[in-house]
C-alpha atoms as a PDB file:
ATOM      1  CA  UNK A   1     -22.963  27.184 -61.434  1.00  0.00           C
ATOM      2  CA  UNK A   2     -23.936  30.351 -63.319  1.00  0.00           C
ATOM      3  CA  UNK A   3     -24.704  33.186 -60.878  1.00  0.00           C
ATOM      4  CA  UNK A   4     -28.184  34.698 -60.898  1.00  0.00           C
ATOM      5  CA  UNK A   5     -26.726  38.201 -60.643  1.00  0.00           C
ATOM      6  CA  UNK A   6     -23.295  39.337 -61.754  1.00  0.00           C
ATOM      7  CA  UNK A   7     -22.156  42.951 -61.420  1.00  0.00           C
ATOM      8  CA  UNK A   8     -18.827  43.936 -62.984  1.00  0.00           C
ATOM      9  CA  UNK A   9     -17.128  47.324 -62.708  1.00  0.00           C
ATOM     10  CA  UNK A  10     -20.329  49.224 -61.908  1.00  0.00           C
ATOM     11  CA  UNK A  11     -19.951  52.998 -61.615  1.00  0.00           C
ATOM     12  CA  UNK A  12     -22.715  55.536 -60.995  1.00  0.00           C
ATOM     13  CA  UNK A  13     -22.251  59.293 -61.212  1.00  0.00           C
ATOM     14  CA  UNK A  14     -24.567  62.291 -61.096  1.00  0.00           C
ATOM     15  CA  UNK A  15     -24.524  65.409 -63.223  1.00  0.00           C
ATOM     16  CA  UNK A  16     -24.977  68.436 -60.979  1.00  0.00           C
ATOM     17  CA  UNK A  17     -24.857  72.197 -61.219  1.00  0.00           C
ATOM     18  CA  UNK A  18     -21.965  73.591 -59.201  1.00  0.00           C
ATOM     19  CA  UNK A  19     -21.937  77.363 -59.543  1.00  0.00           C
ATOM     20  CA  UNK A  20     -24.417  79.117 -61.786  1.00  0.00           C
ATOM     21  CA  UNK A  21     -24.703  77.158 -65.021  1.00  0.00           C
ATOM     22  CA  UNK A  22     -21.434  75.238 -64.569  1.00  0.00           C
ATOM     23  CA  UNK A  23     -21.954  71.487 -64.335  1.00  0.00           C
ATOM     24  CA  UNK A  24     -19.865  68.876 -62.602  1.00  0.00           C
ATOM     25  CA  UNK A  25     -19.844  65.075 -62.575  1.00  0.00           C
ATOM     26  CA  UNK A  26     -20.132  63.626 -59.068  1.00  0.00           C
ATOM     27  CA  UNK A  27     -19.003  59.963 -58.822  1.00  0.00           C
ATOM     28  CA  UNK A  28     -20.889  58.093 -56.082  1.00  0.00           C
ATOM     29  CA  UNK A  29     -20.179  54.430 -56.916  1.00  0.00           C
ATOM     30  CA  UNK A  30     -16.879  53.437 -58.495  1.00  0.00           C
ATOM     31  CA  UNK A  31     -15.819  50.033 -59.810  1.00  0.00           C
ATOM     32  CA  UNK A  32     -18.281  47.853 -57.858  1.00  0.00           C
ATOM     33  CA  UNK A  33     -18.254  44.106 -58.542  1.00  0.00           C
ATOM     34  CA  UNK A  34     -20.178  41.220 -56.940  1.00  0.00           C
ATOM     35  CA  UNK A  35     -22.065  38.029 -57.726  1.00  0.00           C
ATOM     36  CA  UNK A  36     -25.153  36.407 -56.191  1.00  0.00           C
ATOM     37  CA  UNK A  37     -25.908  32.725 -56.705  1.00  0.00           C
ATOM     38  CA  UNK A  38     -29.109  30.721 -56.312  1.00  0.00           C
ATOM     39  CA  UNK A  39     -29.805  29.913 -52.661  1.00  0.00           C
ATOM     40  CA  UNK A  40     -27.211  32.450 -51.527  1.00  0.00           C
ATOM     41  CA  UNK A  41     -27.450  35.525 -49.313  1.00  0.00           C
ATOM     42  CA  UNK A  42     -24.879  38.173 -50.211  1.00  0.00           C
ATOM     43  CA  UNK A  43     -24.788  41.146 -47.844  1.00  0.00           C
ATOM     44  CA  UNK A  44     -23.484  44.538 -48.967  1.00  0.00           C
ATOM     45  CA  UNK A  45     -22.380  46.293 -45.785  1.00  0.00           C
ATOM     46  CA  UNK A  46     -21.289  49.893 -45.345  1.00  0.00           C
ATOM     47  CA  UNK A  47     -21.996  53.018 -43.356  1.00  0.00           C
ATOM     48  CA  UNK A  48     -24.722  55.506 -44.266  1.00  0.00           C
ATOM     49  CA  UNK A  49     -23.825  57.648 -47.268  1.00  0.00           C
ATOM     50  CA  UNK A  50     -21.573  55.052 -48.870  1.00  0.00           C
ATOM     51  CA  UNK A  51     -23.861  54.648 -51.896  1.00  0.00           C
ATOM     52  CA  UNK A  52     -25.244  51.194 -51.094  1.00  0.00           C
ATOM     53  CA  UNK A  53     -28.868  51.962 -51.986  1.00  0.00           C
ATOM     54  CA  UNK A  54     -27.810  53.217 -55.423  1.00  0.00           C
ATOM     55  CA  UNK A  55     -26.668  49.673 -56.170  1.00  0.00           C
ATOM     56  CA  UNK A  56     -30.254  48.447 -55.758  1.00  0.00           C
ATOM     57  CA  UNK A  57     -31.638  51.279 -57.880  1.00  0.00           C
ATOM     58  CA  UNK A  58     -29.044  50.669 -60.579  1.00  0.00           C
ATOM     59  CA  UNK A  59     -29.860  46.959 -60.827  1.00  0.00           C
ATOM     60  CA  UNK A  60     -33.599  47.692 -60.942  1.00  0.00           C
ATOM     61  CA  UNK A  61     -33.235  50.450 -63.536  1.00  0.00           C
ATOM     62  CA  UNK A  62     -34.833  53.132 -61.362  1.00  0.00           C
ATOM     63  CA  UNK A  63     -32.017  55.673 -61.089  1.00  0.00           C
ATOM     64  CA  UNK A  64     -32.938  59.380 -61.319  1.00  0.00           C
ATOM     65  CA  UNK A  65     -32.726  61.182 -64.643  1.00  0.00           C
ATOM     66  CA  UNK A  66     -29.404  62.902 -63.898  1.00  0.00           C
ATOM     67  CA  UNK A  67     -27.576  59.647 -63.119  1.00  0.00           C
ATOM     68  CA  UNK A  68     -25.135  57.955 -65.497  1.00  0.00           C
ATOM     69  CA  UNK A  69     -24.286  54.289 -65.040  1.00  0.00           C
ATOM     70  CA  UNK A  70     -21.345  52.376 -66.491  1.00  0.00           C
ATOM     71  CA  UNK A  71     -20.242  48.773 -66.165  1.00  0.00           C
ATOM     72  CA  UNK A  72     -21.981  45.468 -66.751  1.00  0.00           C
ATOM     73  CA  UNK A  73     -24.927  43.812 -64.998  1.00  0.00           C
ATOM     74  CA  UNK A  74     -25.899  40.271 -65.961  1.00  0.00           C
ATOM     75  CA  UNK A  75     -28.976  38.402 -64.810  1.00  0.00           C
ATOM     76  CA  UNK A  76     -29.109  34.655 -65.405  1.00  0.00           C
ATOM     77  CA  UNK A  77     -26.085  34.932 -67.686  1.00  0.00           C
ATOM     78  CA  UNK A  78     -27.498  37.610 -69.990  1.00  0.00           C
ATOM     79  CA  UNK A  79     -27.031  41.370 -70.002  1.00  0.00           C
ATOM     80  CA  UNK A  80     -29.668  43.167 -67.964  1.00  0.00           C
ATOM     81  CA  UNK A  81     -30.709  45.798 -70.477  1.00  0.00           C
ATOM     82  CA  UNK A  82     -33.252  48.532 -69.616  1.00  0.00           C
ATOM     83  CA  UNK A  83     -35.905  46.689 -71.628  1.00  0.00           C
ATOM     84  CA  UNK A  84     -35.162  43.375 -69.929  1.00  0.00           C
ATOM     85  CA  UNK A  85     -35.143  44.761 -66.391  1.00  0.00           C
ATOM     86  CA  UNK A  86     -38.453  46.502 -67.011  1.00  0.00           C
ATOM     87  CA  UNK A  87     -39.983  43.158 -68.005  1.00  0.00           C
ATOM     88  CA  UNK A  88     -38.498  41.338 -64.993  1.00  0.00           C
ATOM     89  CA  UNK A  89     -38.908  44.001 -62.303  1.00  0.00           C
ATOM     90  CA  UNK A  90     -41.607  43.083 -59.822  1.00  0.00           C
ATOM     91  CA  UNK A  91     -41.780  39.533 -61.155  1.00  0.00           C
ATOM     92  CA  UNK A  92     -38.445  37.697 -61.198  1.00  0.00           C
ATOM     93  CA  UNK A  93     -36.460  40.573 -59.671  1.00  0.00           C
ATOM     94  CA  UNK A  94     -38.135  42.224 -56.680  1.00  0.00           C
ATOM     95  CA  UNK A  95     -37.250  44.915 -54.167  1.00  0.00           C
ATOM     96  CA  UNK A  96     -37.963  44.963 -50.453  1.00  0.00           C
ATOM     97  CA  UNK A  97     -37.509  48.713 -49.818  1.00  0.00           C
ATOM     98  CA  UNK A  98     -36.190  50.322 -46.662  1.00  0.00           C
ATOM     99  CA  UNK A  99     -39.241  52.539 -46.162  1.00  0.00           C
ATOM    100  CA  UNK A 100     -42.741  51.309 -45.347  1.00  0.00           C
ATOM    101  CA  UNK A 101     -43.920  54.436 -47.147  1.00  0.00           C
ATOM    102  CA  UNK A 102     -43.721  52.304 -50.304  1.00  0.00           C
ATOM    103  CA  UNK A 103     -47.103  50.925 -49.211  1.00  0.00           C
ATOM    104  CA  UNK A 104     -50.068  52.878 -50.588  1.00  0.00           C
ATOM    105  CA  UNK A 105     -51.699  54.520 -47.532  1.00  0.00           C
ATOM    106  CA  UNK A 106     -55.106  54.629 -49.273  1.00  0.00           C
ATOM    107  CA  UNK A 107     -55.259  50.952 -50.217  1.00  0.00           C
ATOM    108  CA  UNK A 108     -55.874  47.942 -48.012  1.00  0.00           C
ATOM    109  CA  UNK A 109     -53.091  45.394 -47.616  1.00  0.00           C
ATOM    110  CA  UNK A 110     -54.820  42.583 -49.530  1.00  0.00           C
ATOM    111  CA  UNK A 111     -55.210  44.383 -52.883  1.00  0.00           C
ATOM    112  CA  UNK A 112     -51.623  45.685 -52.588  1.00  0.00           C
ATOM    113  CA  UNK A 113     -50.202  42.207 -52.131  1.00  0.00           C
ATOM    114  CA  UNK A 114     -52.326  40.839 -54.988  1.00  0.00           C
ATOM    115  CA  UNK A 115     -51.622  43.905 -57.167  1.00  0.00           C
ATOM    116  CA  UNK A 116     -55.301  44.278 -57.877  1.00  0.00           C
ATOM    117  CA  UNK A 117     -55.944  40.649 -58.843  1.00  0.00           C
ATOM    118  CA  UNK A 118     -59.285  39.365 -57.562  1.00  0.00           C
ATOM    119  CA  UNK A 119     -59.318  35.733 -58.642  1.00  0.00           C
ATOM    120  CA  UNK A 120     -59.826  33.019 -56.002  1.00  0.00           C
ATOM    121  CA  UNK A 121     -56.328  31.728 -56.809  1.00  0.00           C
ATOM    122  CA  UNK A 122     -54.742  35.139 -56.123  1.00  0.00           C
ATOM    123  CA  UNK A 123     -56.672  35.530 -52.856  1.00  0.00           C
ATOM    124  CA  UNK A 124     -55.654  32.047 -51.714  1.00  0.00           C
ATOM    125  CA  UNK A 125     -52.010  32.728 -52.527  1.00  0.00           C
ATOM    126  CA  UNK A 126     -51.943  36.094 -50.733  1.00  0.00           C
ATOM    127  CA  UNK A 127     -53.409  34.528 -47.605  1.00  0.00           C
ATOM    128  CA  UNK A 128     -50.887  31.707 -47.805  1.00  0.00           C
ATOM    129  CA  UNK A 129     -48.017  34.176 -48.124  1.00  0.00           C
ATOM    130  CA  UNK A 130     -49.291  36.257 -45.197  1.00  0.00           C
ATOM    131  CA  UNK A 131     -49.618  33.136 -43.080  1.00  0.00           C
ATOM    132  CA  UNK A 132     -46.055  32.171 -43.977  1.00  0.00           C
ATOM    133  CA  UNK A 133     -44.871  35.381 -42.334  1.00  0.00           C
ATOM    134  CA  UNK A 134     -47.090  35.088 -39.264  1.00  0.00           C
ATOM    135  CA  UNK A 135     -49.899  37.378 -40.420  1.00  0.00           C
ATOM    136  CA  UNK A 136     -53.544  36.310 -40.311  1.00  0.00           C
ATOM    137  CA  UNK A 137     -56.089  36.619 -43.094  1.00  0.00           C
ATOM    138  CA  UNK A 138     -57.571  39.659 -41.325  1.00  0.00           C
ATOM    139  CA  UNK A 139     -54.404  41.578 -42.260  1.00  0.00           C
ATOM    140  CA  UNK A 140     -55.753  41.864 -45.801  1.00  0.00           C
ATOM    141  CA  UNK A 141     -58.460  44.216 -44.571  1.00  0.00           C
ATOM    142  CA  UNK A 142     -56.089  46.597 -42.788  1.00  0.00           C
ATOM    143  CA  UNK A 143     -54.698  49.871 -44.087  1.00  0.00           C
ATOM    144  CA  UNK A 144     -50.927  50.508 -43.738  1.00  0.00           C
ATOM    145  CA  UNK A 145     -51.435  52.992 -40.867  1.00  0.00           C
ATOM    146  CA  UNK A 146     -53.040  50.160 -38.861  1.00  0.00           C
ATOM    147  CA  UNK A 147     -49.897  48.017 -39.066  1.00  0.00           C
ATOM    148  CA  UNK A 148     -47.056  47.943 -36.563  1.00  0.00           C
ATOM    149  CA  UNK A 149     -43.534  48.480 -37.910  1.00  0.00           C
ATOM    150  CA  UNK A 150     -42.773  44.765 -37.898  1.00  0.00           C
ATOM    151  CA  UNK A 151     -46.091  43.913 -39.556  1.00  0.00           C
ATOM    152  CA  UNK A 152     -45.542  46.506 -42.280  1.00  0.00           C
ATOM    153  CA  UNK A 153     -42.140  45.037 -43.122  1.00  0.00           C
ATOM    154  CA  UNK A 154     -43.590  41.537 -43.289  1.00  0.00           C
ATOM    155  CA  UNK A 155     -46.280  42.875 -45.634  1.00  0.00           C
ATOM    156  CA  UNK A 156     -43.527  44.323 -47.852  1.00  0.00           C
ATOM    157  CA  UNK A 157     -41.846  40.915 -47.946  1.00  0.00           C
ATOM    158  CA  UNK A 158     -45.198  39.288 -48.747  1.00  0.00           C
ATOM    159  CA  UNK A 159     -45.705  41.717 -51.626  1.00  0.00           C
ATOM    160  CA  UNK A 160     -42.220  40.899 -52.941  1.00  0.00           C
ATOM    161  CA  UNK A 161     -42.571  37.099 -52.891  1.00  0.00           C
ATOM    162  CA  UNK A 162     -46.079  36.852 -54.376  1.00  0.00           C
ATOM    163  CA  UNK A 163     -44.538  36.245 -57.818  1.00  0.00           C
ATOM    164  CA  UNK A 164     -41.980  33.610 -56.635  1.00  0.00           C
ATOM    165  CA  UNK A 165     -38.942  35.757 -57.530  1.00  0.00           C
ATOM    166  CA  UNK A 166     -35.501  34.444 -58.466  1.00  0.00           C
ATOM    167  CA  UNK A 167     -33.670  37.527 -57.145  1.00  0.00           C
ATOM    168  CA  UNK A 168     -34.705  39.532 -54.080  1.00  0.00           C
ATOM    169  CA  UNK A 169     -33.002  42.848 -53.259  1.00  0.00           C
ATOM    170  CA  UNK A 170     -33.593  44.015 -49.688  1.00  0.00           C
ATOM    171  CA  UNK A 171     -32.509  47.625 -49.163  1.00  0.00           C
ATOM    172  CA  UNK A 172     -31.993  48.440 -45.444  1.00  0.00           C
ATOM    173  CA  UNK A 173     -35.036  46.365 -44.454  1.00  0.00           C
ATOM    174  CA  UNK A 174     -34.697  46.634 -40.656  1.00  0.00           C
ATOM    175  CA  UNK A 175     -34.371  50.325 -39.630  1.00  0.00           C
ATOM    176  CA  UNK A 176     -36.241  51.221 -36.446  1.00  0.00           C
ATOM    177  CA  UNK A 177     -36.763  47.596 -35.417  1.00  0.00           C
ATOM    178  CA  UNK A 178     -35.381  46.125 -32.212  1.00  0.00           C
ATOM    179  CA  UNK A 179     -32.827  43.327 -32.522  1.00  0.00           C
ATOM    180  CA  UNK A 180     -35.410  40.580 -32.013  1.00  0.00           C
ATOM    181  CA  UNK A 181     -37.814  41.899 -34.671  1.00  0.00           C
ATOM    182  CA  UNK A 182     -34.950  42.588 -37.088  1.00  0.00           C
ATOM    183  CA  UNK A 183     -33.676  39.059 -36.566  1.00  0.00           C
ATOM    184  CA  UNK A 184     -37.089  37.637 -37.460  1.00  0.00           C
ATOM    185  CA  UNK A 185     -37.208  39.704 -40.659  1.00  0.00           C
ATOM    186  CA  UNK A 186     -33.757  38.496 -41.683  1.00  0.00           C
ATOM    187  CA  UNK A 187     -34.787  34.952 -40.847  1.00  0.00           C
ATOM    188  CA  UNK A 188     -37.539  35.291 -43.453  1.00  0.00           C
ATOM    189  CA  UNK A 189     -34.917  36.357 -46.005  1.00  0.00           C
ATOM    190  CA  UNK A 190     -32.826  33.301 -45.188  1.00  0.00           C
ATOM    191  CA  UNK A 191     -35.902  31.143 -45.838  1.00  0.00           C
ATOM    192  CA  UNK A 192     -36.376  32.798 -49.250  1.00  0.00           C
ATOM    193  CA  UNK A 193     -32.770  31.988 -50.171  1.00  0.00           C
ATOM    194  CA  UNK A 194     -33.036  28.435 -48.855  1.00  0.00           C
ATOM    195  CA  UNK A 195     -36.029  27.988 -51.182  1.00  0.00           C
ATOM    196  CA  UNK A 196     -33.700  28.711 -54.135  1.00  0.00           C
ATOM    197  CA  UNK A 197     -33.772  32.473 -54.737  1.00  0.00           C
ATOM    198  CA  UNK A 198     -30.725  34.707 -54.737  1.00  0.00           C
ATOM    199  CA  UNK A 199     -30.812  37.361 -51.986  1.00  0.00           C
ATOM    200  CA  UNK A 200     -28.920  40.659 -52.062  1.00  0.00           C
ATOM    201  CA  UNK A 201     -29.118  42.272 -48.623  1.00  0.00           C
ATOM    202  CA  UNK A 202     -28.044  45.922 -48.414  1.00  0.00           C
ATOM    203  CA  UNK A 203     -27.475  47.084 -44.836  1.00  0.00           C
ATOM    204  CA  UNK A 204     -25.358  49.166 -42.475  1.00  0.00           C
ATOM    205  CA  UNK A 205     -25.686  46.513 -39.729  1.00  0.00           C
ATOM    206  CA  UNK A 206     -22.775  44.096 -40.007  1.00  0.00           C
ATOM    207  CA  UNK A 207     -23.790  42.159 -36.899  1.00  0.00           C
ATOM    208  CA  UNK A 208     -27.264  41.369 -38.241  1.00  0.00           C
ATOM    209  CA  UNK A 209     -25.967  40.635 -41.742  1.00  0.00           C
ATOM    210  CA  UNK A 210     -23.616  37.984 -40.403  1.00  0.00           C
ATOM    211  CA  UNK A 211     -26.550  36.055 -38.906  1.00  0.00           C
ATOM    212  CA  UNK A 212     -27.820  35.047 -42.379  1.00  0.00           C
ATOM    213  CA  UNK A 213     -25.195  35.953 -45.018  1.00  0.00           C
ATOM    214  CA  UNK A 214     -23.097  33.464 -46.936  1.00  0.00           C
ATOM    215  CA  UNK A 215     -20.788  36.180 -48.218  1.00  0.00           C
ATOM    216  CA  UNK A 216     -20.247  39.813 -47.245  1.00  0.00           C
ATOM    217  CA  UNK A 217     -19.235  42.633 -49.589  1.00  0.00           C
ATOM    218  CA  UNK A 218     -17.874  45.644 -47.692  1.00  0.00           C
ATOM    219  CA  UNK A 219     -18.533  49.077 -49.155  1.00  0.00           C
ATOM    220  CA  UNK A 220     -16.631  52.277 -48.344  1.00  0.00           C
ATOM    221  CA  UNK A 221     -17.255  55.687 -49.926  1.00  0.00           C
ATOM    222  CA  UNK A 222     -18.703  54.163 -53.092  1.00  0.00           C
ATOM    223  CA  UNK A 223     -16.146  51.392 -53.580  1.00  0.00           C
ATOM    224  CA  UNK A 224     -16.066  47.694 -52.756  1.00  0.00           C
ATOM    225  CA  UNK A 225     -13.050  47.221 -50.496  1.00  0.00           C
ATOM    226  CA  UNK A 226     -13.489  43.553 -49.593  1.00  0.00           C
ATOM    227  CA  UNK A 227     -15.530  40.441 -50.314  1.00  0.00           C
ATOM    228  CA  UNK A 228     -15.314  37.622 -47.784  1.00  0.00           C
ATOM    229  CA  UNK A 229     -17.127  34.541 -46.582  1.00  0.00           C
ATOM    230  CA  UNK A 230     -19.225  35.264 -43.509  1.00  0.00           C
ATOM    231  CA  UNK A 231     -17.140  32.695 -41.623  1.00  0.00           C
ATOM    232  CA  UNK A 232     -13.985  34.772 -42.262  1.00  0.00           C
ATOM    233  CA  UNK A 233     -15.073  37.367 -39.700  1.00  0.00           C
ATOM    234  CA  UNK A 234     -15.092  35.101 -36.656  1.00  0.00           C
ATOM    235  CA  UNK A 235     -12.037  33.231 -37.982  1.00  0.00           C
ATOM    236  CA  UNK A 236      -9.963  36.411 -38.236  1.00  0.00           C
ATOM    237  CA  UNK A 237      -9.332  36.132 -41.992  1.00  0.00           C
ATOM    238  CA  UNK A 238     -10.225  39.734 -42.842  1.00  0.00           C
ATOM    239  CA  UNK A 239      -8.119  41.465 -45.447  1.00  0.00           C
ATOM    240  CA  UNK A 240      -8.934  45.190 -45.507  1.00  0.00           C
ATOM    241  CA  UNK A 241      -8.245  47.576 -42.586  1.00  0.00           C
ATOM    242  CA  UNK A 242     -11.741  49.079 -42.880  1.00  0.00           C
ATOM    243  CA  UNK A 243     -13.371  45.651 -42.622  1.00  0.00           C
ATOM    244  CA  UNK A 244     -11.273  44.891 -39.546  1.00  0.00           C
ATOM    245  CA  UNK A 245     -12.301  48.245 -38.093  1.00  0.00           C
ATOM    246  CA  UNK A 246     -15.995  47.436 -38.657  1.00  0.00           C
ATOM    247  CA  UNK A 247     -15.534  44.098 -36.902  1.00  0.00           C
ATOM    248  CA  UNK A 248     -13.682  45.623 -33.931  1.00  0.00           C
ATOM    249  CA  UNK A 249     -16.352  48.331 -33.600  1.00  0.00           C
ATOM    250  CA  UNK A 250     -19.019  45.770 -32.690  1.00  0.00           C
ATOM    251  CA  UNK A 251     -19.874  45.800 -28.959  1.00  0.00           C
ATOM    252  CA  UNK A 252     -18.831  42.184 -28.426  1.00  0.00           C
ATOM    253  CA  UNK A 253     -15.436  42.925 -29.997  1.00  0.00           C
ATOM    254  CA  UNK A 254     -14.539  45.889 -27.782  1.00  0.00           C
ATOM    255  CA  UNK A 255     -16.439  48.727 -29.509  1.00  0.00           C
ATOM    256  CA  UNK A 256     -13.207  50.290 -30.773  1.00  0.00           C
ATOM    257  CA  UNK A 257     -14.018  53.048 -33.300  1.00  0.00           C
ATOM    258  CA  UNK A 258     -11.389  54.521 -35.595  1.00  0.00           C
ATOM    259  CA  UNK A 259     -10.737  58.268 -35.934  1.00  0.00           C
ATOM    260  CA  UNK A 260     -11.889  60.265 -38.921  1.00  0.00           C
ATOM    261  CA  UNK A 261     -14.950  60.051 -41.160  1.00  0.00           C
ATOM    262  CA  UNK A 262     -15.891  58.609 -44.522  1.00  0.00           C
ATOM    263  CA  UNK A 263     -15.172  61.129 -47.308  1.00  0.00           C
ATOM    264  CA  UNK A 264     -17.982  62.687 -49.307  1.00  0.00           C
ATOM    265  CA  UNK A 265     -18.377  61.685 -52.982  1.00  0.00           C
ATOM    266  CA  UNK A 266     -15.689  63.319 -55.086  1.00  0.00           C
ATOM    267  CA  UNK A 267     -13.728  64.529 -52.054  1.00  0.00           C
ATOM    268  CA  UNK A 268     -10.754  62.229 -52.764  1.00  0.00           C
ATOM    269  CA  UNK A 269      -9.699  62.204 -56.398  1.00  0.00           C
ATOM    270  CA  UNK A 270      -7.801  58.931 -56.570  1.00  0.00           C
ATOM    271  CA  UNK A 271      -5.992  56.171 -54.806  1.00  0.00           C
ATOM    272  CA  UNK A 272      -7.273  54.387 -51.723  1.00  0.00           C
ATOM    273  CA  UNK A 273     -10.288  56.241 -50.337  1.00  0.00           C
ATOM    274  CA  UNK A 274      -9.567  54.832 -46.866  1.00  0.00           C
ATOM    275  CA  UNK A 275      -5.954  56.094 -46.887  1.00  0.00           C
ATOM    276  CA  UNK A 276      -6.563  59.193 -44.687  1.00  0.00           C
ATOM    277  CA  UNK A 277      -7.840  56.934 -41.874  1.00  0.00           C
ATOM    278  CA  UNK A 278      -5.574  53.935 -42.394  1.00  0.00           C
ATOM    279  CA  UNK A 279      -2.774  53.358 -39.850  1.00  0.00           C
ATOM    280  CA  UNK A 280      -0.862  51.321 -42.460  1.00  0.00           C
ATOM    281  CA  UNK A 281      -1.026  53.804 -45.335  1.00  0.00           C
ATOM    282  CA  UNK A 282       1.988  53.873 -47.706  1.00  0.00           C
ATOM    283  CA  UNK A 283       2.817  56.478 -50.368  1.00  0.00           C
ATOM    284  CA  UNK A 284       1.875  53.881 -53.003  1.00  0.00           C
ATOM    285  CA  UNK A 285      -1.695  53.888 -51.667  1.00  0.00           C
ATOM    286  CA  UNK A 286      -2.232  57.327 -53.185  1.00  0.00           C
ATOM    287  CA  UNK A 287      -2.196  55.749 -56.656  1.00  0.00           C
ATOM    288  CA  UNK A 288      -4.787  53.395 -58.146  1.00  0.00           C
ATOM    289  CA  UNK A 289      -5.495  50.326 -56.003  1.00  0.00           C
ATOM    290  CA  UNK A 290      -6.830  47.256 -57.860  1.00  0.00           C
ATOM    291  CA  UNK A 291      -9.571  44.971 -56.542  1.00  0.00           C
ATOM    292  CA  UNK A 292      -7.880  41.561 -56.478  1.00  0.00           C
ATOM    293  CA  UNK A 293      -8.140  37.982 -55.273  1.00  0.00           C
ATOM    294  CA  UNK A 294      -6.635  37.393 -51.832  1.00  0.00           C
ATOM    295  CA  UNK A 295      -6.805  34.388 -49.487  1.00  0.00           C
ATOM    296  CA  UNK A 296     -10.150  33.072 -50.709  1.00  0.00           C
ATOM    297  CA  UNK A 297     -11.760  36.498 -50.976  1.00  0.00           C
ATOM    298  CA  UNK A 298     -11.178  39.819 -52.718  1.00  0.00           C
ATOM    299  CA  UNK A 299      -9.656  43.027 -51.423  1.00  0.00           C
ATOM    300  CA  UNK A 300      -8.845  46.576 -52.569  1.00  0.00           C
ATOM    301  CA  UNK A 301      -5.640  47.019 -50.586  1.00  0.00           C
ATOM    302  CA  UNK A 302      -1.941  46.911 -51.529  1.00  0.00           C
ATOM    303  CA  UNK A 303      -0.772  45.662 -48.114  1.00  0.00           C
ATOM    304  CA  UNK A 304      -3.582  43.604 -46.534  1.00  0.00           C
ATOM    305  CA  UNK A 305      -1.143  41.504 -44.520  1.00  0.00           C
ATOM    306  CA  UNK A 306       0.029  44.501 -42.472  1.00  0.00           C
ATOM    307  CA  UNK A 307      -3.262  44.951 -40.636  1.00  0.00           C
ATOM    308  CA  UNK A 308      -3.035  41.688 -38.762  1.00  0.00           C
ATOM    309  CA  UNK A 309      -6.097  39.825 -37.608  1.00  0.00           C
ATOM    310  CA  UNK A 310      -9.122  41.497 -35.974  1.00  0.00           C
END
């Protein structure tokens, strides 16, 4: 089956002024690849500052002016050109943003969900969508400041699915919510995928992602280091030492953090970006490390077998 979204070798860099008028190129995402199929939830997981949100902005064509993007993005088998993404954005390809500040504070919920449409059909559909996410018709008459955090996020989802999208990108959709509320939000995303849409979930919360994801793409310092089935985590089939470290850091797995910190963009010139923190680092890891097929998944590691199981 042709994937809805296919990203190959995506790189995003920023042009910045370093000292005076001297410019430098700051790479933030390097060689990112993933696919999302119909009815599938693919979670991109990584710590804060790893560049995950830039993936969403790159797909949607909303990067800042000083950003340069390379690589290939295909939607429904065809190249996603700037002209094409502009036509599809907000209709077939929608974003559920991480901040509820995306809601207009001066406009009631109803007109925002309907995007200004006033026809009886649009009103009926908006009420149906709100009801689907446990919100009554009276929600349409509320302003964003009158919504709780959980309600505001459900309104954002309602706004996103009004057009029956084929691809939904959710960028850190659960910050500030308790585990129960976050679980309900992710449950709504699973329902969207089960209805046939492709779902790209971008999050720092591996534990929550595993509750709904079919596949997990692990991000570290702007690079994809592993892609695995969600079932591989509990089964101990993880391939990259950073992925195993994320799994072991969960409370139910012993809460065992690893020393060191993720490097800043451009801090490490080449080779494995995880090498300074890896207990199995070899001299060969300082050279280029390919992203390759391994045991039913993909990994950016020369010696994945040395890490053992989580």
